[in-house]
Amino acid sequence: MARPLRIEFAGALYHVISRGHQRHAIARDDHDRQQRLDWLRRTVAIYAWRLHAFVLMPNHEHLFVETPEGNLSAGMQFLNGSYTTYFNRRHRRTGHLFQGRFRGHLIDQDGYFLEVSRYIHLNPVRAKLIKHPDEYRWSSYPGYSSAARELAWVTYGRVLGEFGKDQKQARRAYARFVQAGIGDPPPSPFVAAVGGLLVGSRAFVERIGRLLQDRPAEADLPQLKRVRTRPSLDQIIDLVARHFGCDAAEWSRGHRADDAGRAVAACLARRSFGYSATAVADALGYGGPSSVSHAVRRIETGLEELRTLVRTLETKLR
């Protein structure tokens, strides 16, 4: 199995997940939870991180962290390694506490602070541990709802700044934003992550793709192949429509179309270039992501000539 792709540079912004080995608890009681937060506080200080949000769940943890010095891996090694040593000593155990290396996403600096922080803060609500995130001690949310509950080592200003300079008004606005996510749960901001790694605009994805071109040691990683600069959905659809000699407008929403051309376009966009099923459905007029998945399977399990065509068109788009 390929190792997780690590993309590190000064100022990078991440959503990071550390999971317990075999889904076991990473904290057994409040003493463990307090120790975990203490090690997180130390890591933020030592590695000069800007921690925008966090939540400690029973068997995993989410961090929303910015690394001015480009040192995510070093910091996570310190955090998880130090805490594992404490945990094993206290509970008289040996072996791994966490499930391999941490996982996560590289986040665009523009436009994602609110959605990512809300997703993290609503984890205990989705898990039905509490009804409102303000009731959960082991997250950064209490410091967002009340200045008196702020943690000195959490950076609240960047998220609250999305609602203006007045801190009191910003806190109230953020609380309403999070509350709206309880009543009407939004989709995960990570469902459309390119290559399962990048969350951001097309320009952001292309910039990271160019950065990775200079990393030959990682050239064969499947994640990297999907992250590199890719054609737009419109370019994919136009090429396939020209090949089949049809009007791409016939594949828009409101038209009935079950032809091979649309399925080929869906397969190219989804499998070759990593577009989400939701994005492909919107671009090609499918009823939803499941319809896209069905179309892709038709190509992958159907005629060899269609599979060959997908590979041929893919080379023209790269």
C-alpha atoms as a PDB file:
ATOM      1  CA  MET A   1       0.000   0.000   0.000  1.00  0.00           C
ATOM      2  CA  ALA A   2       1.337   3.430  -0.944  1.00  0.00           C
ATOM      3  CA  ARG A   3       2.261   5.628   1.984  1.00  0.00           C
ATOM      4  CA  PRO A   4       0.061   8.695   2.554  1.00  0.00           C
ATOM      5  CA  LEU A   5       1.176  11.660   0.471  1.00  0.00           C
ATOM      6  CA  ARG A   6       2.730  14.433   2.567  1.00  0.00           C
ATOM      7  CA  ILE A   7       2.636  17.953   1.177  1.00  0.00           C
ATOM      8  CA  GLU A   8       4.424  20.423   3.441  1.00  0.00           C
ATOM      9  CA  PHE A   9       5.321  24.075   2.949  1.00  0.00           C
ATOM     10  CA  ALA A  10       5.358  27.247   5.029  1.00  0.00           C
ATOM     11  CA  GLY A  11       1.837  28.488   5.667  1.00  0.00           C
ATOM     12  CA  ALA A  12       0.078  25.257   4.693  1.00  0.00           C
ATOM     13  CA  LEU A  13      -3.371  24.668   6.184  1.00  0.00           C
ATOM     14  CA  TYR A  14      -4.573  21.168   7.087  1.00  0.00           C
ATOM     15  CA  HIS A  15      -7.434  19.132   8.421  1.00  0.00           C
ATOM     16  CA  VAL A  16      -5.710  16.276  10.281  1.00  0.00           C
ATOM     17  CA  ILE A  17      -7.187  13.060  11.674  1.00  0.00           C
ATOM     18  CA  SER A  18      -5.494  10.686  14.131  1.00  0.00           C
ATOM     19  CA  ARG A  19      -7.422   7.434  14.694  1.00  0.00           C
ATOM     20  CA  GLY A  20      -7.041   4.813  17.379  1.00  0.00           C
ATOM     21  CA  HIS A  21      -5.489   1.502  16.329  1.00  0.00           C
ATOM     22  CA  GLN A  22      -8.261  -0.920  15.368  1.00  0.00           C
ATOM     23  CA  ARG A  23     -10.747   1.781  16.420  1.00  0.00           C
ATOM     24  CA  HIS A  24      -9.701   1.498  20.062  1.00  0.00           C
ATOM     25  CA  ALA A  25     -10.061   4.456  22.408  1.00  0.00           C
ATOM     26  CA  ILE A  26      -7.231   6.976  22.422  1.00  0.00           C
ATOM     27  CA  ALA A  27      -8.394   8.343  25.791  1.00  0.00           C
ATOM     28  CA  ARG A  28     -10.075   6.232  28.462  1.00  0.00           C
ATOM     29  CA  ASP A  29     -11.087   8.923  30.953  1.00  0.00           C
ATOM     30  CA  ASP A  30     -10.936  12.649  31.610  1.00  0.00           C
ATOM     31  CA  HIS A  31      -7.375  12.401  32.920  1.00  0.00           C
ATOM     32  CA  ASP A  32      -6.265  10.981  29.562  1.00  0.00           C
ATOM     33  CA  ARG A  33      -8.252  13.619  27.699  1.00  0.00           C
ATOM     34  CA  GLN A  34      -6.633  16.418  29.699  1.00  0.00           C
ATOM     35  CA  GLN A  35      -3.193  14.940  29.063  1.00  0.00           C
ATOM     36  CA  ARG A  36      -3.931  14.759  25.329  1.00  0.00           C
ATOM     37  CA  LEU A  37      -4.857  18.432  25.295  1.00  0.00           C
ATOM     38  CA  ASP A  38      -1.737  19.265  27.269  1.00  0.00           C
ATOM     39  CA  TRP A  39       0.460  17.519  24.706  1.00  0.00           C
ATOM     40  CA  LEU A  40      -1.443  19.321  21.954  1.00  0.00           C
ATOM     41  CA  ARG A  41      -0.782  22.645  23.715  1.00  0.00           C
ATOM     42  CA  ARG A  42       2.934  21.833  23.922  1.00  0.00           C
ATOM     43  CA  THR A  43       3.061  20.861  20.253  1.00  0.00           C
ATOM     44  CA  VAL A  44       1.402  24.113  19.187  1.00  0.00           C
ATOM     45  CA  ALA A  45       3.974  26.070  21.196  1.00  0.00           C
ATOM     46  CA  ILE A  46       7.069  24.101  20.152  1.00  0.00           C
ATOM     47  CA  TYR A  47       6.252  23.948  16.439  1.00  0.00           C
ATOM     48  CA  ALA A  48       4.699  27.441  16.201  1.00  0.00           C
ATOM     49  CA  TRP A  49       1.425  26.086  14.846  1.00  0.00           C
ATOM     50  CA  ARG A  50      -1.774  28.069  14.527  1.00  0.00           C
ATOM     51  CA  LEU A  51      -4.491  25.748  15.725  1.00  0.00           C
ATOM     52  CA  HIS A  52      -7.853  27.014  14.445  1.00  0.00           C
ATOM     53  CA  ALA A  53     -10.056  24.183  15.741  1.00  0.00           C
ATOM     54  CA  PHE A  54      -9.883  20.741  17.319  1.00  0.00           C
ATOM     55  CA  VAL A  55     -12.072  18.031  18.767  1.00  0.00           C
ATOM     56  CA  LEU A  56     -11.011  15.002  20.766  1.00  0.00           C
ATOM     57  CA  MET A  57     -13.424  12.108  20.203  1.00  0.00           C
ATOM     58  CA  PRO A  58     -13.376   8.747  22.011  1.00  0.00           C
ATOM     59  CA  ASN A  59     -11.309   6.939  19.361  1.00  0.00           C
ATOM     60  CA  HIS A  60     -10.027   9.700  17.090  1.00  0.00           C
ATOM     61  CA  GLU A  61      -9.123  13.374  16.911  1.00  0.00           C
ATOM     62  CA  HIS A  62      -9.560  16.185  14.369  1.00  0.00           C
ATOM     63  CA  LEU A  63      -7.233  19.174  14.089  1.00  0.00           C
ATOM     64  CA  PHE A  64      -7.557  22.248  11.867  1.00  0.00           C
ATOM     65  CA  VAL A  65      -3.999  23.500  11.871  1.00  0.00           C
ATOM     66  CA  GLU A  66      -1.807  25.960   9.988  1.00  0.00           C
ATOM     67  CA  THR A  67       1.969  25.464   9.872  1.00  0.00           C
ATOM     68  CA  PRO A  68       3.904  28.726   9.328  1.00  0.00           C
ATOM     69  CA  GLU A  69       7.150  26.739   9.295  1.00  0.00           C
ATOM     70  CA  GLY A  70       5.991  23.807   7.128  1.00  0.00           C
ATOM     71  CA  ASN A  71       6.517  21.197   9.843  1.00  0.00           C
ATOM     72  CA  LEU A  72       3.311  19.179  10.088  1.00  0.00           C
ATOM     73  CA  SER A  73       4.919  15.721  10.082  1.00  0.00           C
ATOM     74  CA  ALA A  74       7.510  16.646  12.718  1.00  0.00           C
ATOM     75  CA  GLY A  75       4.855  18.124  14.957  1.00  0.00           C
ATOM     76  CA  MET A  76       2.476  15.181  14.589  1.00  0.00           C
ATOM     77  CA  GLN A  77       5.293  12.734  15.313  1.00  0.00           C
ATOM     78  CA  PHE A  78       6.053  14.636  18.513  1.00  0.00           C
ATOM     79  CA  LEU A  79       2.384  14.894  19.520  1.00  0.00           C
ATOM     80  CA  ASN A  80       1.332  11.307  18.882  1.00  0.00           C
ATOM     81  CA  GLY A  81       4.624   9.780  19.984  1.00  0.00           C
ATOM     82  CA  SER A  82       4.735  11.686  23.274  1.00  0.00           C
ATOM     83  CA  TYR A  83       1.121  10.967  24.092  1.00  0.00           C
ATOM     84  CA  THR A  84       1.491   7.264  23.241  1.00  0.00           C
ATOM     85  CA  THR A  85       4.407   7.008  25.666  1.00  0.00           C
ATOM     86  CA  TYR A  86       2.292   8.601  28.409  1.00  0.00           C
ATOM     87  CA  PHE A  87      -0.761   6.438  27.592  1.00  0.00           C
ATOM     88  CA  ASN A  88       1.153   3.156  27.511  1.00  0.00           C
ATOM     89  CA  ARG A  89       2.945   3.914  30.767  1.00  0.00           C
ATOM     90  CA  ARG A  90      -0.234   4.892  32.578  1.00  0.00           C
ATOM     91  CA  HIS A  91      -2.276   1.922  31.345  1.00  0.00           C
ATOM     92  CA  ARG A  92       0.588  -0.593  31.482  1.00  0.00           C
ATOM     93  CA  ARG A  93       0.342  -1.524  27.856  1.00  0.00           C
ATOM     94  CA  THR A  94       2.685  -1.745  24.867  1.00  0.00           C
ATOM     95  CA  GLY A  95       2.372  -1.305  21.130  1.00  0.00           C
ATOM     96  CA  HIS A  96       0.651   1.138  18.835  1.00  0.00           C
ATOM     97  CA  LEU A  97      -2.032   3.491  20.068  1.00  0.00           C
ATOM     98  CA  PHE A  98      -2.752   5.173  16.744  1.00  0.00           C
ATOM     99  CA  GLN A  99      -3.706   3.609  13.422  1.00  0.00           C
ATOM    100  CA  GLY A 100      -0.548   4.191  11.414  1.00  0.00           C
ATOM    101  CA  ARG A 101       0.345   7.731  10.444  1.00  0.00           C
ATOM    102  CA  PHE A 102      -2.120  10.573  10.650  1.00  0.00           C
ATOM    103  CA  ARG A 103      -4.382  11.298   7.691  1.00  0.00           C
ATOM    104  CA  GLY A 104      -6.021  14.423   6.455  1.00  0.00           C
ATOM    105  CA  HIS A 105      -6.451  17.105   3.821  1.00  0.00           C
ATOM    106  CA  LEU A 106      -4.574  20.136   2.571  1.00  0.00           C
ATOM    107  CA  ILE A 107      -6.989  23.077   2.664  1.00  0.00           C
ATOM    108  CA  ASP A 108      -7.194  26.201   0.516  1.00  0.00           C
ATOM    109  CA  GLN A 109      -6.612  29.352   2.592  1.00  0.00           C
ATOM    110  CA  ASP A 110      -9.506  31.096   0.842  1.00  0.00           C
ATOM    111  CA  GLY A 111     -13.095  30.223   1.635  1.00  0.00           C
ATOM    112  CA  TYR A 112     -12.900  27.120   3.849  1.00  0.00           C
ATOM    113  CA  PHE A 113     -12.289  28.277   7.425  1.00  0.00           C
ATOM    114  CA  LEU A 114     -15.960  28.329   8.369  1.00  0.00           C
ATOM    115  CA  GLU A 115     -16.981  25.013   6.821  1.00  0.00           C
ATOM    116  CA  VAL A 116     -13.991  23.050   8.103  1.00  0.00           C
ATOM    117  CA  SER A 117     -14.220  24.461  11.635  1.00  0.00           C
ATOM    118  CA  ARG A 118     -17.970  23.755  11.770  1.00  0.00           C
ATOM    119  CA  TYR A 119     -17.456  20.202  10.532  1.00  0.00           C
ATOM    120  CA  ILE A 120     -14.940  19.610  13.324  1.00  0.00           C
ATOM    121  CA  HIS A 121     -17.069  21.199  16.043  1.00  0.00           C
ATOM    122  CA  LEU A 122     -20.161  19.199  15.056  1.00  0.00           C
ATOM    123  CA  ASN A 123     -18.410  15.826  15.365  1.00  0.00           C
ATOM    124  CA  PRO A 124     -19.738  15.137  18.898  1.00  0.00           C
ATOM    125  CA  VAL A 125     -23.255  16.065  17.739  1.00  0.00           C
ATOM    126  CA  ARG A 126     -23.096  13.728  14.744  1.00  0.00           C
ATOM    127  CA  ALA A 127     -21.844  10.978  17.075  1.00  0.00           C
ATOM    128  CA  LYS A 128     -24.811  11.698  19.393  1.00  0.00           C
ATOM    129  CA  LEU A 129     -22.531  12.322  22.371  1.00  0.00           C
ATOM    130  CA  ILE A 130     -24.213  15.670  23.042  1.00  0.00           C
ATOM    131  CA  LYS A 131     -26.967  17.807  21.514  1.00  0.00           C
ATOM    132  CA  HIS A 132     -24.969  21.025  21.104  1.00  0.00           C
ATOM    133  CA  PRO A 133     -21.181  21.489  20.729  1.00  0.00           C
ATOM    134  CA  ASP A 134     -21.121  24.008  23.588  1.00  0.00           C
ATOM    135  CA  GLU A 135     -21.766  21.056  25.934  1.00  0.00           C
ATOM    136  CA  TYR A 136     -18.587  19.272  24.864  1.00  0.00           C
ATOM    137  CA  ARG A 137     -15.483  20.086  26.929  1.00  0.00           C
ATOM    138  CA  TRP A 138     -12.953  18.441  24.672  1.00  0.00           C
ATOM    139  CA  SER A 139     -13.081  20.736  21.672  1.00  0.00           C
ATOM    140  CA  SER A 140     -12.277  24.311  20.754  1.00  0.00           C
ATOM    141  CA  TYR A 141     -15.943  25.261  20.361  1.00  0.00           C
ATOM    142  CA  PRO A 142     -16.518  26.580  23.928  1.00  0.00           C
ATOM    143  CA  GLY A 143     -13.815  29.191  23.283  1.00  0.00           C
ATOM    144  CA  TYR A 144     -15.678  30.284  20.158  1.00  0.00           C
ATOM    145  CA  SER A 145     -18.960  30.727  21.976  1.00  0.00           C
ATOM    146  CA  SER A 146     -17.494  32.561  24.993  1.00  0.00           C
ATOM    147  CA  ALA A 147     -14.349  34.671  25.367  1.00  0.00           C
ATOM    148  CA  ALA A 148     -14.102  33.518  28.993  1.00  0.00           C
ATOM    149  CA  ARG A 149     -13.609  29.923  27.799  1.00  0.00           C
ATOM    150  CA  GLU A 150     -10.880  30.644  25.256  1.00  0.00           C
ATOM    151  CA  LEU A 151      -7.696  28.571  25.306  1.00  0.00           C
ATOM    152  CA  ALA A 152      -4.569  30.697  24.956  1.00  0.00           C
ATOM    153  CA  TRP A 153      -3.048  28.272  22.440  1.00  0.00           C
ATOM    154  CA  VAL A 154      -5.987  28.192  19.999  1.00  0.00           C
ATOM    155  CA  THR A 155      -6.230  30.789  17.221  1.00  0.00           C
ATOM    156  CA  TYR A 156      -9.852  31.960  17.146  1.00  0.00           C
ATOM    157  CA  GLY A 157      -9.417  35.173  15.194  1.00  0.00           C
ATOM    158  CA  ARG A 158      -9.117  33.753  11.682  1.00  0.00           C
ATOM    159  CA  VAL A 159     -12.446  31.925  11.778  1.00  0.00           C
ATOM    160  CA  LEU A 160     -14.307  34.652  13.673  1.00  0.00           C
ATOM    161  CA  GLY A 161     -12.828  37.233  11.319  1.00  0.00           C
ATOM    162  CA  GLU A 162     -15.061  35.832   8.580  1.00  0.00           C
ATOM    163  CA  PHE A 163     -17.916  37.602  10.386  1.00  0.00           C
ATOM    164  CA  GLY A 164     -16.239  40.971  10.850  1.00  0.00           C
ATOM    165  CA  LYS A 165     -14.030  42.774  13.360  1.00  0.00           C
ATOM    166  CA  ASP A 166     -16.490  43.048  16.238  1.00  0.00           C
ATOM    167  CA  GLN A 167     -15.675  39.975  18.343  1.00  0.00           C
ATOM    168  CA  LYS A 168     -18.976  39.833  20.205  1.00  0.00           C
ATOM    169  CA  GLN A 169     -21.005  40.012  17.029  1.00  0.00           C
ATOM    170  CA  ALA A 170     -18.672  37.537  15.334  1.00  0.00           C
ATOM    171  CA  ARG A 171     -19.134  35.004  18.143  1.00  0.00           C
ATOM    172  CA  ARG A 172     -22.911  35.285  17.918  1.00  0.00           C
ATOM    173  CA  ALA A 173     -22.797  34.949  14.131  1.00  0.00           C
ATOM    174  CA  TYR A 174     -20.534  31.900  14.333  1.00  0.00           C
ATOM    175  CA  ALA A 175     -22.836  30.299  16.913  1.00  0.00           C
ATOM    176  CA  ARG A 176     -25.778  30.803  14.527  1.00  0.00           C
ATOM    177  CA  PHE A 177     -23.719  29.330  11.690  1.00  0.00           C
ATOM    178  CA  VAL A 178     -22.923  26.212  13.725  1.00  0.00           C
ATOM    179  CA  GLN A 179     -26.519  25.942  14.977  1.00  0.00           C
ATOM    180  CA  ALA A 180     -27.724  25.973  11.370  1.00  0.00           C
ATOM    181  CA  GLY A 181     -25.522  22.953  10.739  1.00  0.00           C
ATOM    182  CA  ILE A 182     -27.297  21.056  13.507  1.00  0.00           C
ATOM    183  CA  GLY A 183     -30.775  21.676  12.159  1.00  0.00           C
ATOM    184  CA  ASP A 184     -29.806  21.208   8.513  1.00  0.00           C
ATOM    185  CA  PRO A 185     -26.560  19.168   8.373  1.00  0.00           C
ATOM    186  CA  PRO A 186     -24.376  20.356   5.484  1.00  0.00           C
ATOM    187  CA  PRO A 187     -22.371  17.949   3.319  1.00  0.00           C
ATOM    188  CA  SER A 188     -18.838  17.270   4.466  1.00  0.00           C
ATOM    189  CA  PRO A 189     -16.406  19.846   3.046  1.00  0.00           C
ATOM    190  CA  PHE A 190     -14.127  16.913   2.180  1.00  0.00           C
ATOM    191  CA  VAL A 191     -16.424  14.933  -0.158  1.00  0.00           C
ATOM    192  CA  ALA A 192     -15.024  16.704  -3.209  1.00  0.00           C
ATOM    193  CA  ALA A 193     -11.355  16.544  -2.109  1.00  0.00           C
ATOM    194  CA  VAL A 194      -9.209  16.084  -5.215  1.00  0.00           C
ATOM    195  CA  GLY A 195      -7.335  12.809  -4.986  1.00  0.00           C
ATOM    196  CA  GLY A 196      -8.774  12.513  -1.483  1.00  0.00           C
ATOM    197  CA  LEU A 197      -6.239  15.166  -0.458  1.00  0.00           C
ATOM    198  CA  LEU A 198      -6.908  18.702  -1.655  1.00  0.00           C
ATOM    199  CA  VAL A 199      -9.854  20.864  -0.653  1.00  0.00           C
ATOM    200  CA  GLY A 200     -10.032  24.118  -2.557  1.00  0.00           C
ATOM    201  CA  SER A 201     -10.547  25.989  -5.777  1.00  0.00           C
ATOM    202  CA  ARG A 202      -9.307  24.841  -9.145  1.00  0.00           C
ATOM    203  CA  ALA A 203      -6.535  27.468  -8.985  1.00  0.00           C
ATOM    204  CA  PHE A 204      -5.428  26.074  -5.602  1.00  0.00           C
ATOM    205  CA  VAL A 205      -5.373  22.497  -6.933  1.00  0.00           C
ATOM    206  CA  GLU A 206      -3.341  23.569  -9.960  1.00  0.00           C
ATOM    207  CA  ARG A 207      -0.868  25.464  -7.773  1.00  0.00           C
ATOM    208  CA  ILE A 208      -0.295  22.416  -5.571  1.00  0.00           C
ATOM    209  CA  GLY A 209      -0.028  20.266  -8.681  1.00  0.00           C
ATOM    210  CA  ARG A 210       2.779  22.451 -10.009  1.00  0.00           C
ATOM    211  CA  LEU A 211       4.524  22.289  -6.651  1.00  0.00           C
ATOM    212  CA  LEU A 212       4.426  18.487  -6.752  1.00  0.00           C
ATOM    213  CA  GLN A 213       5.863  18.269 -10.255  1.00  0.00           C
ATOM    214  CA  ASP A 214       9.292  18.782  -8.692  1.00  0.00           C
ATOM    215  CA  ARG A 215       8.976  15.716  -6.437  1.00  0.00           C
ATOM    216  CA  PRO A 216      10.105  12.783  -8.629  1.00  0.00           C
ATOM    217  CA  ALA A 217      10.305  10.419  -5.657  1.00  0.00           C
ATOM    218  CA  GLU A 218       6.522  10.648  -5.379  1.00  0.00           C
ATOM    219  CA  ALA A 219       5.769  10.579  -9.085  1.00  0.00           C
ATOM    220  CA  ASP A 220       4.146   7.146  -9.025  1.00  0.00           C
ATOM    221  CA  LEU A 221       1.836   7.769  -6.083  1.00  0.00           C
ATOM    222  CA  PRO A 222      -1.800   7.426  -7.222  1.00  0.00           C
ATOM    223  CA  GLN A 223      -2.769  10.458  -5.142  1.00  0.00           C
ATOM    224  CA  LEU A 224      -0.226  12.613  -6.981  1.00  0.00           C
ATOM    225  CA  LYS A 225      -1.491  11.518 -10.392  1.00  0.00           C
ATOM    226  CA  ARG A 226      -4.948  12.767  -9.483  1.00  0.00           C
ATOM    227  CA  VAL A 227      -3.711  16.001  -7.927  1.00  0.00           C
ATOM    228  CA  ARG A 228      -1.679  17.203 -10.887  1.00  0.00           C
ATOM    229  CA  THR A 229      -3.143  19.849 -13.139  1.00  0.00           C
ATOM    230  CA  ARG A 230      -6.240  18.404 -14.750  1.00  0.00           C
ATOM    231  CA  PRO A 231      -8.657  19.476 -17.480  1.00  0.00           C
ATOM    232  CA  SER A 232     -11.889  21.173 -16.521  1.00  0.00           C
ATOM    233  CA  LEU A 233     -15.158  19.265 -16.654  1.00  0.00           C
ATOM    234  CA  ASP A 234     -16.169  21.408 -19.623  1.00  0.00           C
ATOM    235  CA  GLN A 235     -13.018  20.351 -21.506  1.00  0.00           C
ATOM    236  CA  ILE A 236     -13.694  16.685 -20.789  1.00  0.00           C
ATOM    237  CA  ILE A 237     -17.318  16.940 -21.905  1.00  0.00           C
ATOM    238  CA  ASP A 238     -16.433  18.897 -25.058  1.00  0.00           C
ATOM    239  CA  LEU A 239     -13.804  16.356 -26.158  1.00  0.00           C
ATOM    240  CA  VAL A 240     -16.107  13.379 -25.620  1.00  0.00           C
ATOM    241  CA  ALA A 241     -19.045  15.097 -27.340  1.00  0.00           C
ATOM    242  CA  ARG A 242     -16.869  15.888 -30.384  1.00  0.00           C
ATOM    243  CA  HIS A 243     -15.646  12.294 -30.511  1.00  0.00           C
ATOM    244  CA  PHE A 244     -19.198  10.946 -30.514  1.00  0.00           C
ATOM    245  CA  GLY A 245     -20.433  13.699 -32.832  1.00  0.00           C
ATOM    246  CA  CYS A 246     -23.185  14.812 -30.490  1.00  0.00           C
ATOM    247  CA  ASP A 247     -24.331  17.979 -28.775  1.00  0.00           C
ATOM    248  CA  ALA A 248     -23.089  18.186 -25.178  1.00  0.00           C
ATOM    249  CA  ALA A 249     -26.245  20.149 -24.326  1.00  0.00           C
ATOM    250  CA  GLU A 250     -28.100  16.847 -24.573  1.00  0.00           C
ATOM    251  CA  TRP A 251     -26.300  15.808 -21.363  1.00  0.00           C
ATOM    252  CA  SER A 252     -27.535  18.756 -19.304  1.00  0.00           C
ATOM    253  CA  ARG A 253     -30.064  18.471 -16.496  1.00  0.00           C
ATOM    254  CA  GLY A 254     -33.626  18.109 -17.717  1.00  0.00           C
ATOM    255  CA  HIS A 255     -32.684  16.002 -20.765  1.00  0.00           C
ATOM    256  CA  ARG A 256     -33.073  12.243 -20.909  1.00  0.00           C
ATOM    257  CA  ALA A 257     -29.817  10.681 -22.098  1.00  0.00           C
ATOM    258  CA  ASP A 258     -28.511   7.174 -21.575  1.00  0.00           C
ATOM    259  CA  ASP A 259     -25.945   7.026 -24.361  1.00  0.00           C
ATOM    260  CA  ALA A 260     -22.416   5.680 -24.163  1.00  0.00           C
ATOM    261  CA  GLY A 261     -20.874   9.122 -24.716  1.00  0.00           C
ATOM    262  CA  ARG A 262     -22.206  10.533 -21.479  1.00  0.00           C
ATOM    263  CA  ALA A 263     -21.045   7.436 -19.581  1.00  0.00           C
ATOM    264  CA  VAL A 264     -17.567   7.740 -21.136  1.00  0.00           C
ATOM    265  CA  ALA A 265     -17.409  11.400 -20.063  1.00  0.00           C
ATOM    266  CA  ALA A 266     -18.470  10.423 -16.542  1.00  0.00           C
ATOM    267  CA  CYS A 267     -15.827   7.687 -16.380  1.00  0.00           C
ATOM    268  CA  LEU A 268     -13.103  10.051 -17.579  1.00  0.00           C
ATOM    269  CA  ALA A 269     -14.045  12.760 -15.114  1.00  0.00           C
ATOM    270  CA  ARG A 270     -14.482  10.415 -12.156  1.00  0.00           C
ATOM    271  CA  ARG A 271     -11.797   7.761 -12.625  1.00  0.00           C
ATOM    272  CA  SER A 272      -9.111   9.498 -14.687  1.00  0.00           C
ATOM    273  CA  PHE A 273      -9.211  12.990 -13.189  1.00  0.00           C
ATOM    274  CA  GLY A 274     -10.664  12.536  -9.705  1.00  0.00           C
ATOM    275  CA  TYR A 275     -13.771  14.716  -9.903  1.00  0.00           C
ATOM    276  CA  SER A 276     -16.369  13.942  -7.250  1.00  0.00           C
ATOM    277  CA  ALA A 277     -19.499  12.027  -8.218  1.00  0.00           C
ATOM    278  CA  THR A 278     -21.564  15.046  -7.161  1.00  0.00           C
ATOM    279  CA  ALA A 279     -19.642  17.407  -9.456  1.00  0.00           C
ATOM    280  CA  VAL A 280     -19.912  14.952 -12.366  1.00  0.00           C
ATOM    281  CA  ALA A 281     -23.640  14.529 -11.786  1.00  0.00           C
ATOM    282  CA  ASP A 282     -24.161  18.288 -11.906  1.00  0.00           C
ATOM    283  CA  ALA A 283     -22.051  18.718 -15.051  1.00  0.00           C
ATOM    284  CA  LEU A 284     -23.597  15.832 -16.985  1.00  0.00           C
ATOM    285  CA  GLY A 285     -27.187  16.060 -15.822  1.00  0.00           C
ATOM    286  CA  TYR A 286     -27.284  12.819 -13.833  1.00  0.00           C
ATOM    287  CA  GLY A 287     -29.891  12.460 -11.110  1.00  0.00           C
ATOM    288  CA  GLY A 288     -27.242  12.157  -8.416  1.00  0.00           C
ATOM    289  CA  PRO A 289     -23.899  10.610  -7.396  1.00  0.00           C
ATOM    290  CA  SER A 290     -25.259   7.048  -7.433  1.00  0.00           C
ATOM    291  CA  SER A 291     -26.271   7.438 -11.087  1.00  0.00           C
ATOM    292  CA  VAL A 292     -22.729   8.528 -11.899  1.00  0.00           C
ATOM    293  CA  SER A 293     -21.316   5.485 -10.087  1.00  0.00           C
ATOM    294  CA  HIS A 294     -23.647   3.233 -12.084  1.00  0.00           C
ATOM    295  CA  ALA A 295     -22.532   4.848 -15.381  1.00  0.00           C
ATOM    296  CA  VAL A 296     -18.858   4.416 -14.476  1.00  0.00           C
ATOM    297  CA  ARG A 297     -19.422   0.726 -13.670  1.00  0.00           C
ATOM    298  CA  ARG A 298     -21.099   0.300 -17.061  1.00  0.00           C
ATOM    299  CA  ILE A 299     -17.880   1.402 -18.734  1.00  0.00           C
ATOM    300  CA  GLU A 300     -15.535  -0.502 -16.444  1.00  0.00           C
ATOM    301  CA  THR A 301     -17.428  -3.787 -16.799  1.00  0.00           C
ATOM    302  CA  GLY A 302     -18.674  -3.313 -20.360  1.00  0.00           C
ATOM    303  CA  LEU A 303     -17.160  -3.448 -23.825  1.00  0.00           C
ATOM    304  CA  GLU A 304     -13.373  -3.434 -24.080  1.00  0.00           C
ATOM    305  CA  GLU A 305     -13.601  -0.913 -26.923  1.00  0.00           C
ATOM    306  CA  LEU A 306     -15.183   1.644 -24.586  1.00  0.00           C
ATOM    307  CA  ARG A 307     -12.526   1.070 -21.944  1.00  0.00           C
ATOM    308  CA  THR A 308      -9.867   1.534 -24.629  1.00  0.00           C
ATOM    309  CA  LEU A 309     -11.586   4.721 -25.759  1.00  0.00           C
ATOM    310  CA  VAL A 310     -11.463   6.103 -22.214  1.00  0.00           C
ATOM    311  CA  ARG A 311      -7.710   5.469 -22.066  1.00  0.00           C
ATOM    312  CA  THR A 312      -7.201   7.077 -25.482  1.00  0.00           C
ATOM    313  CA  LEU A 313      -9.187  10.204 -24.628  1.00  0.00           C
ATOM    314  CA  GLU A 314      -7.405  10.431 -21.283  1.00  0.00           C
ATOM    315  CA  THR A 315      -4.036  10.805 -23.032  1.00  0.00           C
ATOM    316  CA  LYS A 316      -5.428  13.664 -25.152  1.00  0.00           C
ATOM    317  CA  LEU A 317      -6.534  15.523 -22.048  1.00  0.00           C
ATOM    318  CA  ARG A 318      -3.257  15.274 -20.154  1.00  0.00           C
END
